[in-house]
Amino acid sequence: MKTLPVGSVYTEPANEPHFAMTANEPVIVMLTGTGPTDTVYENPADDPTRKP
């Protein structure tokens, strides 16, 4: 993990698993990309769309 300063921009390679984490401070994340795209949770129990 690497801490990024305010205003940072970074890229992630296509067709590879991605991981990001926030700590105790509020954060705004903007994601952009070119589809098609999908979100697959490593642990299906973490998928918020499956919560009752």
C-alpha atoms as a PDB file:
ATOM      1  CA  MET A   1       0.000   0.000   0.000  1.00  0.00           C
ATOM      2  CA  LYS A   2       1.120   3.526  -0.766  1.00  0.00           C
ATOM      3  CA  THR A   3      -0.277   6.743   0.705  1.00  0.00           C
ATOM      4  CA  LEU A   4      -1.139   9.262  -2.004  1.00  0.00           C
ATOM      5  CA  PRO A   5      -1.194  13.007  -1.329  1.00  0.00           C
ATOM      6  CA  VAL A   6      -4.252  15.185  -1.983  1.00  0.00           C
ATOM      7  CA  GLY A   7      -4.876  15.669  -5.710  1.00  0.00           C
ATOM      8  CA  SER A   8      -3.033  12.496  -6.732  1.00  0.00           C
ATOM      9  CA  VAL A   9      -3.740  10.624  -9.934  1.00  0.00           C
ATOM     10  CA  TYR A  10      -2.781   7.021 -10.555  1.00  0.00           C
ATOM     11  CA  THR A  11      -3.570   4.281 -13.046  1.00  0.00           C
ATOM     12  CA  GLU A  12      -4.199   0.567 -12.754  1.00  0.00           C
ATOM     13  CA  PRO A  13      -3.468  -1.909 -15.541  1.00  0.00           C
ATOM     14  CA  ALA A  14      -6.327  -3.501 -17.440  1.00  0.00           C
ATOM     15  CA  ASN A  15      -7.278  -7.127 -16.803  1.00  0.00           C
ATOM     16  CA  GLU A  16      -5.607  -7.216 -13.387  1.00  0.00           C
ATOM     17  CA  PRO A  17      -7.160  -7.320  -9.897  1.00  0.00           C
ATOM     18  CA  HIS A  18      -7.255  -3.896  -8.212  1.00  0.00           C
ATOM     19  CA  PHE A  19      -7.295  -2.986  -4.530  1.00  0.00           C
ATOM     20  CA  ALA A  20      -7.652   0.338  -2.755  1.00  0.00           C
ATOM     21  CA  MET A  21      -8.066   1.218   0.889  1.00  0.00           C
ATOM     22  CA  THR A  22      -8.949   4.288   2.932  1.00  0.00           C
ATOM     23  CA  ALA A  23      -8.137   4.905   6.585  1.00  0.00           C
ATOM     24  CA  ASN A  24      -9.800   7.039   9.235  1.00  0.00           C
ATOM     25  CA  GLU A  25      -9.922  10.297   7.284  1.00  0.00           C
ATOM     26  CA  PRO A  26     -12.772  11.205   4.895  1.00  0.00           C
ATOM     27  CA  VAL A  27     -11.866  10.746   1.240  1.00  0.00           C
ATOM     28  CA  ILE A  28     -13.408  11.464  -2.157  1.00  0.00           C
ATOM     29  CA  VAL A  29     -12.460   9.072  -4.952  1.00  0.00           C
ATOM     30  CA  MET A  30     -13.255   9.682  -8.606  1.00  0.00           C
ATOM     31  CA  LEU A  31     -13.037   6.692 -10.921  1.00  0.00           C
ATOM     32  CA  THR A  32     -12.985   7.021 -14.682  1.00  0.00           C
ATOM     33  CA  GLY A  33     -12.478   4.441 -17.341  1.00  0.00           C
ATOM     34  CA  THR A  34     -13.480   2.938 -20.633  1.00  0.00           C
ATOM     35  CA  GLY A  35     -15.815  -0.062 -20.537  1.00  0.00           C
ATOM     36  CA  PRO A  36     -16.869  -2.658 -20.481  1.00  0.00           C
ATOM     37  CA  THR A  37     -16.174  -2.854 -16.781  1.00  0.00           C
ATOM     38  CA  ASP A  38     -17.216  -5.053 -13.876  1.00  0.00           C
ATOM     39  CA  THR A  39     -16.754  -5.319 -10.130  1.00  0.00           C
ATOM     40  CA  VAL A  40     -16.032  -8.778  -8.765  1.00  0.00           C
ATOM     41  CA  TYR A  41     -15.543  -9.105  -5.009  1.00  0.00           C
ATOM     42  CA  GLU A  42     -12.848 -11.532  -3.890  1.00  0.00           C
ATOM     43  CA  ASN A  43     -15.134 -12.331  -0.962  1.00  0.00           C
ATOM     44  CA  PRO A  44     -18.765 -12.314  -2.172  1.00  0.00           C
ATOM     45  CA  ALA A  45     -19.904 -11.432   1.371  1.00  0.00           C
ATOM     46  CA  ASP A  46     -18.261  -7.992   0.896  1.00  0.00           C
ATOM     47  CA  ASP A  47     -20.545  -7.158  -2.058  1.00  0.00           C
ATOM     48  CA  PRO A  48     -22.917  -4.442  -0.765  1.00  0.00           C
ATOM     49  CA  THR A  49     -25.519  -5.315  -3.425  1.00  0.00           C
ATOM     50  CA  ARG A  50     -26.005  -8.708  -1.754  1.00  0.00           C
ATOM     51  CA  LYS A  51     -26.740  -7.263   1.700  1.00  0.00           C
ATOM     52  CA  PRO A  52     -30.332  -7.648   2.942  1.00  0.00           C
END
